[in-house]
Amino acid sequence: MMRFVWFAILALIACIATGAELDRASRRQPSLVAFVPQPFRSFAQENLTMANVRSADPKLALEETQALVWRSPMPAEHLTLLAIAKERNGERDASARLVQRAAQRGWRDPIAQQAMFDIALAAGDPVEAAHRFAALWALKEDQAPLADMEQRLLATPEGRSALADTLVGGGNWTKAYLRSVAAKPGDDSAASIALALRKGGRFDCGAVSQLRPALAKRGFQAEASLLDNCIRMKR
Protein backbone atom coordinates (compact mmCIF):
# COMPACT_ATOMS: atom_id res chain seq x y z
CA MET A 1 0.00 0.00 0.00
CA MET A 2 2.74 2.42 0.95
CA ARG A 3 4.61 1.60 -2.25
CA PHE A 4 1.49 2.46 -4.27
CA VAL A 5 1.12 5.77 -2.46
CA TRP A 6 4.78 6.52 -3.04
CA PHE A 7 4.50 5.84 -6.77
CA ALA A 8 1.34 7.95 -6.93
CA ILE A 9 3.16 10.85 -5.28
CA LEU A 10 6.08 10.52 -7.72
CA ALA A 11 3.66 10.42 -10.66
CA LEU A 12 1.93 13.56 -9.39
CA ILE A 13 5.25 15.37 -9.00
CA ALA A 14 6.25 14.32 -12.51
CA CYS A 15 2.96 15.64 -13.92
CA ILE A 16 3.41 18.96 -12.13
CA ALA A 17 7.00 19.30 -13.31
CA THR A 18 6.03 18.45 -16.89
CA GLY A 19 3.16 20.94 -16.89
CA ALA A 20 5.33 23.70 -15.45
CA GLU A 21 8.14 22.99 -17.91
CA LEU A 22 5.74 23.00 -20.86
CA ASP A 23 4.38 26.33 -19.67
CA ARG A 24 7.88 27.84 -19.48
CA ALA A 25 8.76 26.46 -22.90
CA SER A 26 5.60 27.98 -24.41
CA ARG A 27 7.03 31.42 -23.69
CA ARG A 28 9.67 30.80 -26.37
CA GLN A 29 7.60 28.46 -28.52
CA PRO A 30 3.96 29.63 -28.76
CA SER A 31 3.11 26.47 -30.71
CA LEU A 32 3.29 24.57 -27.40
CA VAL A 33 0.45 26.57 -25.83
CA ALA A 34 -2.19 24.02 -26.84
CA PHE A 35 -0.30 21.27 -25.01
CA VAL A 36 -0.08 23.06 -21.65
CA PRO A 37 -2.75 21.74 -19.25
CA GLN A 38 -5.18 24.44 -18.06
CA PRO A 39 -4.06 24.42 -14.37
CA PHE A 40 -0.44 25.12 -15.35
CA ARG A 41 -0.99 27.98 -17.79
CA SER A 42 0.86 31.15 -16.92
CA PHE A 43 3.14 32.05 -19.83
CA ALA A 44 0.86 29.98 -22.04
CA GLN A 45 -2.18 31.96 -20.92
CA GLU A 46 -0.37 35.20 -21.74
CA ASN A 47 0.43 33.99 -25.27
CA LEU A 48 -3.13 32.77 -25.74
CA THR A 49 -4.60 36.05 -24.56
CA MET A 50 -2.30 38.23 -26.67
CA ALA A 51 -3.23 36.19 -29.76
CA ASN A 52 -6.98 36.39 -29.16
CA VAL A 53 -7.75 39.58 -27.27
CA ARG A 54 -8.41 41.63 -30.42
CA SER A 55 -9.69 38.94 -32.77
CA ALA A 56 -11.63 36.38 -30.73
CA ASP A 57 -15.29 36.72 -29.78
CA PRO A 58 -15.43 39.60 -27.24
CA LYS A 59 -16.87 37.40 -24.47
CA LEU A 60 -14.24 34.71 -25.02
CA ALA A 61 -11.48 37.33 -25.12
CA LEU A 62 -12.73 38.74 -21.81
CA GLU A 63 -12.81 35.30 -20.18
CA GLU A 64 -9.26 34.53 -21.31
CA THR A 65 -7.97 37.91 -20.18
CA GLN A 66 -9.65 37.63 -16.78
CA ALA A 67 -8.02 34.21 -16.38
CA LEU A 68 -4.64 35.74 -17.20
CA VAL A 69 -5.02 38.55 -14.65
CA TRP A 70 -6.25 36.07 -12.01
CA ARG A 71 -3.18 33.89 -12.56
CA SER A 72 -0.69 36.75 -12.88
CA PRO A 73 -2.14 40.05 -11.61
CA MET A 74 1.05 42.11 -11.26
CA PRO A 75 2.32 42.86 -14.82
CA ALA A 76 0.97 46.12 -16.19
CA GLU A 77 0.69 44.53 -19.63
CA HIS A 78 -1.91 42.09 -18.33
CA LEU A 79 -4.09 44.95 -17.07
CA THR A 80 -3.77 46.59 -20.47
CA LEU A 81 -4.96 43.41 -22.19
CA LEU A 82 -7.91 43.28 -19.80
CA ALA A 83 -8.69 46.92 -20.61
CA ILE A 84 -8.78 46.05 -24.32
CA ALA A 85 -11.14 43.15 -23.65
CA LYS A 86 -13.37 45.35 -21.48
CA GLU A 87 -13.49 47.99 -24.20
CA ARG A 88 -14.54 45.37 -26.76
CA ASN A 89 -17.36 44.32 -24.45
CA GLY A 90 -18.66 47.88 -24.10
CA GLU A 91 -17.31 48.43 -20.56
CA ARG A 92 -15.65 51.75 -21.40
CA ASP A 93 -15.43 53.17 -17.86
CA ALA A 94 -13.85 49.99 -16.51
CA SER A 95 -11.44 49.96 -19.45
CA ALA A 96 -10.31 53.55 -18.75
CA ARG A 97 -9.68 52.78 -15.07
CA LEU A 98 -7.64 49.71 -15.97
CA VAL A 99 -5.53 51.68 -18.45
CA GLN A 100 -4.74 54.25 -15.77
CA ARG A 101 -3.76 51.52 -13.30
CA ALA A 102 -1.57 49.85 -15.93
CA ALA A 103 0.21 53.10 -16.77
CA GLN A 104 0.83 53.84 -13.09
CA ARG A 105 2.12 50.33 -12.44
CA GLY A 106 4.48 49.95 -15.38
CA TRP A 107 5.76 52.77 -17.58
CA ARG A 108 7.28 50.18 -19.93
CA ASP A 109 3.88 49.20 -21.29
CA PRO A 110 3.63 51.14 -24.61
CA ILE A 111 -0.07 50.43 -25.11
CA ALA A 112 -0.92 51.86 -21.69
CA GLN A 113 1.32 54.89 -22.23
CA GLN A 114 -0.29 55.66 -25.58
CA ALA A 115 -3.77 55.29 -24.11
CA MET A 116 -2.88 57.56 -21.19
CA PHE A 117 -1.54 60.15 -23.64
CA ASP A 118 -4.92 60.18 -25.39
CA ILE A 119 -6.81 60.36 -22.08
CA ALA A 120 -4.62 63.21 -20.77
CA LEU A 121 -4.89 65.22 -23.97
CA ALA A 122 -8.66 64.76 -24.10
CA ALA A 123 -8.91 65.88 -20.46
CA GLY A 124 -6.97 69.08 -21.17
CA ASP A 125 -3.83 67.98 -19.29
CA PRO A 126 -0.90 68.61 -21.69
CA VAL A 127 1.66 68.19 -18.88
CA GLU A 128 0.64 64.57 -18.31
CA ALA A 129 0.40 64.02 -22.06
CA ALA A 130 3.97 65.30 -22.47
CA HIS A 131 5.20 62.87 -19.81
CA ARG A 132 3.56 59.96 -21.63
CA PHE A 133 5.03 61.16 -24.93
CA ALA A 134 8.49 61.21 -23.33
CA ALA A 135 7.94 57.73 -21.88
CA LEU A 136 7.21 56.34 -25.35
CA TRP A 137 10.39 57.94 -26.73
CA ALA A 138 12.32 56.40 -23.83
CA LEU A 139 10.87 53.00 -24.72
CA LYS A 140 12.05 53.36 -28.33
CA GLU A 141 8.65 52.10 -29.35
CA ASP A 142 8.64 51.99 -33.15
CA GLN A 143 4.99 50.99 -33.39
CA ALA A 144 3.66 54.05 -31.59
CA PRO A 145 2.42 56.92 -33.85
CA LEU A 146 4.91 59.37 -32.36
CA ALA A 147 4.72 61.88 -35.21
CA ASP A 148 0.95 62.14 -34.90
CA MET A 149 1.15 62.36 -31.11
CA GLU A 150 3.72 65.14 -31.34
CA GLN A 151 1.55 67.10 -33.78
CA ARG A 152 -1.47 66.84 -31.46
CA LEU A 153 0.54 67.77 -28.36
CA LEU A 154 2.22 70.78 -29.98
CA ALA A 155 -0.96 72.10 -31.57
CA THR A 156 -1.49 74.49 -28.62
CA PRO A 157 0.82 76.89 -26.73
CA GLU A 158 0.10 74.91 -23.55
CA GLY A 159 1.24 71.71 -25.21
CA ARG A 160 4.43 73.30 -26.51
CA SER A 161 5.17 74.69 -23.05
CA ALA A 162 4.52 71.28 -21.46
CA LEU A 163 6.93 69.57 -23.84
CA ALA A 164 9.52 72.29 -23.23
CA ASP A 165 9.29 71.69 -19.46
CA THR A 166 9.64 67.95 -20.00
CA LEU A 167 12.74 68.54 -22.13
CA VAL A 168 14.21 70.72 -19.38
CA GLY A 169 13.63 67.81 -17.01
CA GLY A 170 16.08 65.81 -19.11
CA GLY A 171 16.53 62.08 -19.47
CA ASN A 172 18.04 59.84 -22.14
CA TRP A 173 14.85 60.06 -24.19
CA THR A 174 15.81 63.61 -25.15
CA LYS A 175 18.75 62.42 -27.30
CA ALA A 176 16.57 60.39 -29.64
CA TYR A 177 13.89 63.08 -29.77
CA LEU A 178 16.32 65.93 -30.52
CA ARG A 179 18.01 63.93 -33.27
CA SER A 180 14.60 63.24 -34.77
CA VAL A 181 13.74 66.95 -34.78
CA ALA A 182 17.14 67.84 -36.26
CA ALA A 183 16.57 65.36 -39.09
CA LYS A 184 13.05 66.58 -39.83
CA PRO A 185 12.39 69.87 -38.02
CA GLY A 186 8.95 71.39 -37.77
CA ASP A 187 7.96 74.87 -36.64
CA ASP A 188 6.19 73.68 -33.49
CA SER A 189 8.92 71.27 -32.42
CA ALA A 190 11.59 73.93 -33.03
CA ALA A 191 9.55 76.42 -30.98
CA SER A 192 9.27 73.93 -28.09
CA ILE A 193 13.02 73.26 -28.09
CA ALA A 194 13.74 77.00 -28.25
CA LEU A 195 11.43 77.54 -25.28
CA ALA A 196 13.18 74.74 -23.38
CA LEU A 197 16.54 76.42 -24.00
CA ARG A 198 15.18 79.75 -22.74
CA LYS A 199 14.01 77.93 -19.60
CA GLY A 200 17.53 76.66 -18.96
CA GLY A 201 17.43 73.29 -20.67
CA ARG A 202 20.80 71.67 -21.40
CA PHE A 203 21.04 68.88 -23.92
CA ASP A 204 23.53 66.20 -24.87
CA CYS A 205 26.26 67.66 -27.07
CA GLY A 206 26.16 64.67 -29.39
CA ALA A 207 22.45 65.15 -29.98
CA VAL A 208 22.53 68.88 -30.77
CA SER A 209 25.24 69.02 -33.42
CA GLN A 210 22.65 69.11 -36.21
CA LEU A 211 20.07 71.03 -34.20
CA ARG A 212 21.69 74.48 -34.40
CA PRO A 213 21.03 75.05 -38.16
CA ALA A 214 17.49 73.66 -37.76
CA LEU A 215 16.68 76.23 -35.07
CA ALA A 216 18.46 79.10 -36.82
CA LYS A 217 16.61 78.40 -40.06
CA ARG A 218 13.31 78.89 -38.23
CA GLY A 219 14.28 82.20 -36.69
CA PHE A 220 15.62 81.02 -33.33
CA GLN A 221 19.21 82.24 -33.77
CA ALA A 222 19.54 83.40 -30.15
CA GLU A 223 18.33 80.07 -28.83
CA ALA A 224 20.57 78.18 -31.25
CA SER A 225 23.59 79.88 -29.67
CA LEU A 226 22.51 78.44 -26.30
CA LEU A 227 23.24 74.97 -27.66
CA ASP A 228 26.92 75.67 -26.97
CA ASN A 229 25.99 75.19 -23.33
CA CYS A 230 25.54 71.47 -23.85
CA ILE A 231 26.56 68.57 -21.63
CA ARG A 232 28.37 65.31 -22.23
CA MET A 233 26.02 62.51 -21.33
CA LYS A 234 27.19 58.93 -20.71
CA ARG A 235 26.20 56.44 -23.35
C-alpha atoms as a PDB file:
ATOM      1  CA  MET A   1       0.000   0.000   0.000  1.00  0.00           C
ATOM      2  CA  MET A   2       2.744   2.422   0.953  1.00  0.00           C
ATOM      3  CA  ARG A   3       4.614   1.597  -2.253  1.00  0.00           C
ATOM      4  CA  PHE A   4       1.489   2.464  -4.270  1.00  0.00           C
ATOM      5  CA  VAL A   5       1.119   5.773  -2.458  1.00  0.00           C
ATOM      6  CA  TRP A   6       4.781   6.519  -3.043  1.00  0.00           C
ATOM      7  CA  PHE A   7       4.504   5.838  -6.769  1.00  0.00           C
ATOM      8  CA  ALA A   8       1.341   7.950  -6.930  1.00  0.00           C
ATOM      9  CA  ILE A   9       3.162  10.852  -5.285  1.00  0.00           C
ATOM     10  CA  LEU A  10       6.076  10.516  -7.719  1.00  0.00           C
ATOM     11  CA  ALA A  11       3.664  10.421 -10.664  1.00  0.00           C
ATOM     12  CA  LEU A  12       1.929  13.556  -9.392  1.00  0.00           C
ATOM     13  CA  ILE A  13       5.253  15.368  -8.997  1.00  0.00           C
ATOM     14  CA  ALA A  14       6.249  14.318 -12.513  1.00  0.00           C
ATOM     15  CA  CYS A  15       2.960  15.640 -13.920  1.00  0.00           C
ATOM     16  CA  ILE A  16       3.406  18.965 -12.126  1.00  0.00           C
ATOM     17  CA  ALA A  17       6.999  19.295 -13.313  1.00  0.00           C
ATOM     18  CA  THR A  18       6.029  18.445 -16.891  1.00  0.00           C
ATOM     19  CA  GLY A  19       3.158  20.941 -16.890  1.00  0.00           C
ATOM     20  CA  ALA A  20       5.332  23.701 -15.447  1.00  0.00           C
ATOM     21  CA  GLU A  21       8.139  22.990 -17.915  1.00  0.00           C
ATOM     22  CA  LEU A  22       5.741  23.005 -20.865  1.00  0.00           C
ATOM     23  CA  ASP A  23       4.381  26.334 -19.670  1.00  0.00           C
ATOM     24  CA  ARG A  24       7.879  27.839 -19.476  1.00  0.00           C
ATOM     25  CA  ALA A  25       8.760  26.458 -22.903  1.00  0.00           C
ATOM     26  CA  SER A  26       5.601  27.977 -24.409  1.00  0.00           C
ATOM     27  CA  ARG A  27       7.027  31.423 -23.690  1.00  0.00           C
ATOM     28  CA  ARG A  28       9.675  30.804 -26.373  1.00  0.00           C
ATOM     29  CA  GLN A  29       7.599  28.457 -28.524  1.00  0.00           C
ATOM     30  CA  PRO A  30       3.957  29.626 -28.760  1.00  0.00           C
ATOM     31  CA  SER A  31       3.108  26.469 -30.713  1.00  0.00           C
ATOM     32  CA  LEU A  32       3.288  24.572 -27.403  1.00  0.00           C
ATOM     33  CA  VAL A  33       0.448  26.574 -25.833  1.00  0.00           C
ATOM     34  CA  ALA A  34      -2.187  24.023 -26.843  1.00  0.00           C
ATOM     35  CA  PHE A  35      -0.301  21.265 -25.007  1.00  0.00           C
ATOM     36  CA  VAL A  36      -0.084  23.063 -21.652  1.00  0.00           C
ATOM     37  CA  PRO A  37      -2.749  21.740 -19.248  1.00  0.00           C
ATOM     38  CA  GLN A  38      -5.180  24.436 -18.060  1.00  0.00           C
ATOM     39  CA  PRO A  39      -4.057  24.418 -14.368  1.00  0.00           C
ATOM     40  CA  PHE A  40      -0.442  25.120 -15.350  1.00  0.00           C
ATOM     41  CA  ARG A  41      -0.990  27.975 -17.786  1.00  0.00           C
ATOM     42  CA  SER A  42       0.863  31.148 -16.916  1.00  0.00           C
ATOM     43  CA  PHE A  43       3.135  32.050 -19.826  1.00  0.00           C
ATOM     44  CA  ALA A  44       0.855  29.979 -22.039  1.00  0.00           C
ATOM     45  CA  GLN A  45      -2.179  31.961 -20.919  1.00  0.00           C
ATOM     46  CA  GLU A  46      -0.365  35.196 -21.738  1.00  0.00           C
ATOM     47  CA  ASN A  47       0.434  33.992 -25.270  1.00  0.00           C
ATOM     48  CA  LEU A  48      -3.128  32.765 -25.742  1.00  0.00           C
ATOM     49  CA  THR A  49      -4.596  36.050 -24.559  1.00  0.00           C
ATOM     50  CA  MET A  50      -2.303  38.228 -26.667  1.00  0.00           C
ATOM     51  CA  ALA A  51      -3.226  36.195 -29.759  1.00  0.00           C
ATOM     52  CA  ASN A  52      -6.976  36.386 -29.161  1.00  0.00           C
ATOM     53  CA  VAL A  53      -7.750  39.581 -27.272  1.00  0.00           C
ATOM     54  CA  ARG A  54      -8.409  41.630 -30.419  1.00  0.00           C
ATOM     55  CA  SER A  55      -9.687  38.936 -32.770  1.00  0.00           C
ATOM     56  CA  ALA A  56     -11.633  36.383 -30.733  1.00  0.00           C
ATOM     57  CA  ASP A  57     -15.286  36.718 -29.776  1.00  0.00           C
ATOM     58  CA  PRO A  58     -15.431  39.596 -27.241  1.00  0.00           C
ATOM     59  CA  LYS A  59     -16.868  37.401 -24.470  1.00  0.00           C
ATOM     60  CA  LEU A  60     -14.235  34.710 -25.018  1.00  0.00           C
ATOM     61  CA  ALA A  61     -11.480  37.332 -25.118  1.00  0.00           C
ATOM     62  CA  LEU A  62     -12.726  38.740 -21.808  1.00  0.00           C
ATOM     63  CA  GLU A  63     -12.807  35.297 -20.180  1.00  0.00           C
ATOM     64  CA  GLU A  64      -9.261  34.531 -21.312  1.00  0.00           C
ATOM     65  CA  THR A  65      -7.968  37.914 -20.178  1.00  0.00           C
ATOM     66  CA  GLN A  66      -9.645  37.628 -16.779  1.00  0.00           C
ATOM     67  CA  ALA A  67      -8.022  34.215 -16.382  1.00  0.00           C
ATOM     68  CA  LEU A  68      -4.642  35.742 -17.202  1.00  0.00           C
ATOM     69  CA  VAL A  69      -5.017  38.546 -14.645  1.00  0.00           C
ATOM     70  CA  TRP A  70      -6.245  36.072 -12.010  1.00  0.00           C
ATOM     71  CA  ARG A  71      -3.181  33.885 -12.556  1.00  0.00           C
ATOM     72  CA  SER A  72      -0.693  36.746 -12.878  1.00  0.00           C
ATOM     73  CA  PRO A  73      -2.141  40.046 -11.615  1.00  0.00           C
ATOM     74  CA  MET A  74       1.045  42.112 -11.261  1.00  0.00           C
ATOM     75  CA  PRO A  75       2.320  42.860 -14.819  1.00  0.00           C
ATOM     76  CA  ALA A  76       0.974  46.116 -16.187  1.00  0.00           C
ATOM     77  CA  GLU A  77       0.687  44.529 -19.631  1.00  0.00           C
ATOM     78  CA  HIS A  78      -1.914  42.088 -18.327  1.00  0.00           C
ATOM     79  CA  LEU A  79      -4.086  44.948 -17.068  1.00  0.00           C
ATOM     80  CA  THR A  80      -3.774  46.593 -20.471  1.00  0.00           C
ATOM     81  CA  LEU A  81      -4.963  43.410 -22.193  1.00  0.00           C
ATOM     82  CA  LEU A  82      -7.909  43.280 -19.799  1.00  0.00           C
ATOM     83  CA  ALA A  83      -8.690  46.920 -20.612  1.00  0.00           C
ATOM     84  CA  ILE A  84      -8.781  46.051 -24.317  1.00  0.00           C
ATOM     85  CA  ALA A  85     -11.139  43.152 -23.650  1.00  0.00           C
ATOM     86  CA  LYS A  86     -13.369  45.345 -21.475  1.00  0.00           C
ATOM     87  CA  GLU A  87     -13.490  47.990 -24.198  1.00  0.00           C
ATOM     88  CA  ARG A  88     -14.537  45.367 -26.764  1.00  0.00           C
ATOM     89  CA  ASN A  89     -17.358  44.322 -24.453  1.00  0.00           C
ATOM     90  CA  GLY A  90     -18.656  47.877 -24.096  1.00  0.00           C
ATOM     91  CA  GLU A  91     -17.307  48.435 -20.557  1.00  0.00           C
ATOM     92  CA  ARG A  92     -15.647  51.755 -21.398  1.00  0.00           C
ATOM     93  CA  ASP A  93     -15.430  53.169 -17.856  1.00  0.00           C
ATOM     94  CA  ALA A  94     -13.849  49.991 -16.506  1.00  0.00           C
ATOM     95  CA  SER A  95     -11.435  49.963 -19.448  1.00  0.00           C
ATOM     96  CA  ALA A  96     -10.312  53.549 -18.754  1.00  0.00           C
ATOM     97  CA  ARG A  97      -9.682  52.782 -15.075  1.00  0.00           C
ATOM     98  CA  LEU A  98      -7.637  49.709 -15.966  1.00  0.00           C
ATOM     99  CA  VAL A  99      -5.526  51.676 -18.449  1.00  0.00           C
ATOM    100  CA  GLN A 100      -4.739  54.250 -15.767  1.00  0.00           C
ATOM    101  CA  ARG A 101      -3.755  51.516 -13.297  1.00  0.00           C
ATOM    102  CA  ALA A 102      -1.573  49.851 -15.931  1.00  0.00           C
ATOM    103  CA  ALA A 103       0.211  53.104 -16.768  1.00  0.00           C
ATOM    104  CA  GLN A 104       0.830  53.842 -13.085  1.00  0.00           C
ATOM    105  CA  ARG A 105       2.123  50.330 -12.435  1.00  0.00           C
ATOM    106  CA  GLY A 106       4.475  49.953 -15.377  1.00  0.00           C
ATOM    107  CA  TRP A 107       5.756  52.772 -17.579  1.00  0.00           C
ATOM    108  CA  ARG A 108       7.279  50.184 -19.931  1.00  0.00           C
ATOM    109  CA  ASP A 109       3.875  49.196 -21.294  1.00  0.00           C
ATOM    110  CA  PRO A 110       3.627  51.139 -24.605  1.00  0.00           C
ATOM    111  CA  ILE A 111      -0.073  50.431 -25.115  1.00  0.00           C
ATOM    112  CA  ALA A 112      -0.920  51.865 -21.693  1.00  0.00           C
ATOM    113  CA  GLN A 113       1.316  54.892 -22.230  1.00  0.00           C
ATOM    114  CA  GLN A 114      -0.293  55.664 -25.578  1.00  0.00           C
ATOM    115  CA  ALA A 115      -3.769  55.286 -24.107  1.00  0.00           C
ATOM    116  CA  MET A 116      -2.879  57.555 -21.191  1.00  0.00           C
ATOM    117  CA  PHE A 117      -1.535  60.146 -23.644  1.00  0.00           C
ATOM    118  CA  ASP A 118      -4.921  60.176 -25.391  1.00  0.00           C
ATOM    119  CA  ILE A 119      -6.805  60.359 -22.083  1.00  0.00           C
ATOM    120  CA  ALA A 120      -4.619  63.214 -20.770  1.00  0.00           C
ATOM    121  CA  LEU A 121      -4.892  65.224 -23.966  1.00  0.00           C
ATOM    122  CA  ALA A 122      -8.664  64.765 -24.099  1.00  0.00           C
ATOM    123  CA  ALA A 123      -8.905  65.878 -20.458  1.00  0.00           C
ATOM    124  CA  GLY A 124      -6.966  69.076 -21.171  1.00  0.00           C
ATOM    125  CA  ASP A 125      -3.826  67.979 -19.290  1.00  0.00           C
ATOM    126  CA  PRO A 126      -0.899  68.612 -21.686  1.00  0.00           C
ATOM    127  CA  VAL A 127       1.663  68.191 -18.884  1.00  0.00           C
ATOM    128  CA  GLU A 128       0.636  64.568 -18.305  1.00  0.00           C
ATOM    129  CA  ALA A 129       0.404  64.017 -22.062  1.00  0.00           C
ATOM    130  CA  ALA A 130       3.974  65.305 -22.468  1.00  0.00           C
ATOM    131  CA  HIS A 131       5.195  62.874 -19.807  1.00  0.00           C
ATOM    132  CA  ARG A 132       3.556  59.957 -21.631  1.00  0.00           C
ATOM    133  CA  PHE A 133       5.031  61.160 -24.930  1.00  0.00           C
ATOM    134  CA  ALA A 134       8.489  61.210 -23.331  1.00  0.00           C
ATOM    135  CA  ALA A 135       7.939  57.730 -21.885  1.00  0.00           C
ATOM    136  CA  LEU A 136       7.214  56.342 -25.353  1.00  0.00           C
ATOM    137  CA  TRP A 137      10.387  57.943 -26.729  1.00  0.00           C
ATOM    138  CA  ALA A 138      12.320  56.401 -23.832  1.00  0.00           C
ATOM    139  CA  LEU A 139      10.870  52.996 -24.718  1.00  0.00           C
ATOM    140  CA  LYS A 140      12.054  53.365 -28.330  1.00  0.00           C
ATOM    141  CA  GLU A 141       8.645  52.098 -29.350  1.00  0.00           C
ATOM    142  CA  ASP A 142       8.638  51.994 -33.154  1.00  0.00           C
ATOM    143  CA  GLN A 143       4.987  50.987 -33.390  1.00  0.00           C
ATOM    144  CA  ALA A 144       3.658  54.054 -31.585  1.00  0.00           C
ATOM    145  CA  PRO A 145       2.424  56.920 -33.846  1.00  0.00           C
ATOM    146  CA  LEU A 146       4.913  59.374 -32.360  1.00  0.00           C
ATOM    147  CA  ALA A 147       4.715  61.885 -35.207  1.00  0.00           C
ATOM    148  CA  ASP A 148       0.947  62.137 -34.899  1.00  0.00           C
ATOM    149  CA  MET A 149       1.154  62.358 -31.112  1.00  0.00           C
ATOM    150  CA  GLU A 150       3.723  65.145 -31.343  1.00  0.00           C
ATOM    151  CA  GLN A 151       1.550  67.097 -33.778  1.00  0.00           C
ATOM    152  CA  ARG A 152      -1.468  66.840 -31.463  1.00  0.00           C
ATOM    153  CA  LEU A 153       0.538  67.765 -28.360  1.00  0.00           C
ATOM    154  CA  LEU A 154       2.223  70.779 -29.980  1.00  0.00           C
ATOM    155  CA  ALA A 155      -0.955  72.102 -31.570  1.00  0.00           C
ATOM    156  CA  THR A 156      -1.490  74.488 -28.624  1.00  0.00           C
ATOM    157  CA  PRO A 157       0.818  76.893 -26.730  1.00  0.00           C
ATOM    158  CA  GLU A 158       0.098  74.912 -23.550  1.00  0.00           C
ATOM    159  CA  GLY A 159       1.245  71.707 -25.214  1.00  0.00           C
ATOM    160  CA  ARG A 160       4.429  73.301 -26.512  1.00  0.00           C
ATOM    161  CA  SER A 161       5.173  74.687 -23.054  1.00  0.00           C
ATOM    162  CA  ALA A 162       4.517  71.277 -21.460  1.00  0.00           C
ATOM    163  CA  LEU A 163       6.926  69.565 -23.837  1.00  0.00           C
ATOM    164  CA  ALA A 164       9.518  72.285 -23.225  1.00  0.00           C
ATOM    165  CA  ASP A 165       9.287  71.692 -19.459  1.00  0.00           C
ATOM    166  CA  THR A 166       9.637  67.945 -19.996  1.00  0.00           C
ATOM    167  CA  LEU A 167      12.741  68.539 -22.132  1.00  0.00           C
ATOM    168  CA  VAL A 168      14.207  70.719 -19.381  1.00  0.00           C
ATOM    169  CA  GLY A 169      13.629  67.807 -17.007  1.00  0.00           C
ATOM    170  CA  GLY A 170      16.078  65.811 -19.112  1.00  0.00           C
ATOM    171  CA  GLY A 171      16.531  62.082 -19.473  1.00  0.00           C
ATOM    172  CA  ASN A 172      18.039  59.842 -22.135  1.00  0.00           C
ATOM    173  CA  TRP A 173      14.849  60.059 -24.189  1.00  0.00           C
ATOM    174  CA  THR A 174      15.813  63.612 -25.150  1.00  0.00           C
ATOM    175  CA  LYS A 175      18.747  62.421 -27.297  1.00  0.00           C
ATOM    176  CA  ALA A 176      16.565  60.395 -29.635  1.00  0.00           C
ATOM    177  CA  TYR A 177      13.889  63.081 -29.773  1.00  0.00           C
ATOM    178  CA  LEU A 178      16.316  65.931 -30.522  1.00  0.00           C
ATOM    179  CA  ARG A 179      18.006  63.925 -33.274  1.00  0.00           C
ATOM    180  CA  SER A 180      14.601  63.245 -34.773  1.00  0.00           C
ATOM    181  CA  VAL A 181      13.739  66.954 -34.780  1.00  0.00           C
ATOM    182  CA  ALA A 182      17.141  67.842 -36.258  1.00  0.00           C
ATOM    183  CA  ALA A 183      16.565  65.359 -39.090  1.00  0.00           C
ATOM    184  CA  LYS A 184      13.049  66.583 -39.826  1.00  0.00           C
ATOM    185  CA  PRO A 185      12.387  69.867 -38.020  1.00  0.00           C
ATOM    186  CA  GLY A 186       8.955  71.392 -37.767  1.00  0.00           C
ATOM    187  CA  ASP A 187       7.963  74.869 -36.645  1.00  0.00           C
ATOM    188  CA  ASP A 188       6.189  73.682 -33.492  1.00  0.00           C
ATOM    189  CA  SER A 189       8.921  71.273 -32.423  1.00  0.00           C
ATOM    190  CA  ALA A 190      11.590  73.926 -33.029  1.00  0.00           C
ATOM    191  CA  ALA A 191       9.549  76.420 -30.980  1.00  0.00           C
ATOM    192  CA  SER A 192       9.271  73.927 -28.095  1.00  0.00           C
ATOM    193  CA  ILE A 193      13.016  73.260 -28.092  1.00  0.00           C
ATOM    194  CA  ALA A 194      13.745  76.997 -28.250  1.00  0.00           C
ATOM    195  CA  LEU A 195      11.434  77.537 -25.281  1.00  0.00           C
ATOM    196  CA  ALA A 196      13.175  74.736 -23.375  1.00  0.00           C
ATOM    197  CA  LEU A 197      16.539  76.419 -24.003  1.00  0.00           C
ATOM    198  CA  ARG A 198      15.181  79.749 -22.738  1.00  0.00           C
ATOM    199  CA  LYS A 199      14.010  77.926 -19.604  1.00  0.00           C
ATOM    200  CA  GLY A 200      17.533  76.657 -18.965  1.00  0.00           C
ATOM    201  CA  GLY A 201      17.434  73.288 -20.674  1.00  0.00           C
ATOM    202  CA  ARG A 202      20.801  71.674 -21.405  1.00  0.00           C
ATOM    203  CA  PHE A 203      21.041  68.878 -23.916  1.00  0.00           C
ATOM    204  CA  ASP A 204      23.528  66.198 -24.866  1.00  0.00           C
ATOM    205  CA  CYS A 205      26.264  67.658 -27.072  1.00  0.00           C
ATOM    206  CA  GLY A 206      26.157  64.672 -29.394  1.00  0.00           C
ATOM    207  CA  ALA A 207      22.449  65.149 -29.983  1.00  0.00           C
ATOM    208  CA  VAL A 208      22.527  68.879 -30.774  1.00  0.00           C
ATOM    209  CA  SER A 209      25.245  69.025 -33.424  1.00  0.00           C
ATOM    210  CA  GLN A 210      22.646  69.114 -36.213  1.00  0.00           C
ATOM    211  CA  LEU A 211      20.070  71.033 -34.200  1.00  0.00           C
ATOM    212  CA  ARG A 212      21.685  74.480 -34.402  1.00  0.00           C
ATOM    213  CA  PRO A 213      21.029  75.051 -38.156  1.00  0.00           C
ATOM    214  CA  ALA A 214      17.493  73.659 -37.763  1.00  0.00           C
ATOM    215  CA  LEU A 215      16.676  76.232 -35.073  1.00  0.00           C
ATOM    216  CA  ALA A 216      18.459  79.097 -36.823  1.00  0.00           C
ATOM    217  CA  LYS A 217      16.607  78.404 -40.059  1.00  0.00           C
ATOM    218  CA  ARG A 218      13.310  78.885 -38.225  1.00  0.00           C
ATOM    219  CA  GLY A 219      14.280  82.203 -36.689  1.00  0.00           C
ATOM    220  CA  PHE A 220      15.620  81.018 -33.332  1.00  0.00           C
ATOM    221  CA  GLN A 221      19.208  82.240 -33.771  1.00  0.00           C
ATOM    222  CA  ALA A 222      19.537  83.395 -30.152  1.00  0.00           C
ATOM    223  CA  GLU A 223      18.329  80.072 -28.825  1.00  0.00           C
ATOM    224  CA  ALA A 224      20.573  78.175 -31.245  1.00  0.00           C
ATOM    225  CA  SER A 225      23.592  79.876 -29.671  1.00  0.00           C
ATOM    226  CA  LEU A 226      22.510  78.442 -26.300  1.00  0.00           C
ATOM    227  CA  LEU A 227      23.239  74.974 -27.656  1.00  0.00           C
ATOM    228  CA  ASP A 228      26.916  75.673 -26.974  1.00  0.00           C
ATOM    229  CA  ASN A 229      25.995  75.190 -23.325  1.00  0.00           C
ATOM    230  CA  CYS A 230      25.537  71.469 -23.854  1.00  0.00           C
ATOM    231  CA  ILE A 231      26.558  68.568 -21.629  1.00  0.00           C
ATOM    232  CA  ARG A 232      28.372  65.314 -22.230  1.00  0.00           C
ATOM    233  CA  MET A 233      26.015  62.508 -21.325  1.00  0.00           C
ATOM    234  CA  LYS A 234      27.189  58.934 -20.711  1.00  0.00           C
ATOM    235  CA  ARG A 235      26.196  56.437 -23.354  1.00  0.00           C
END
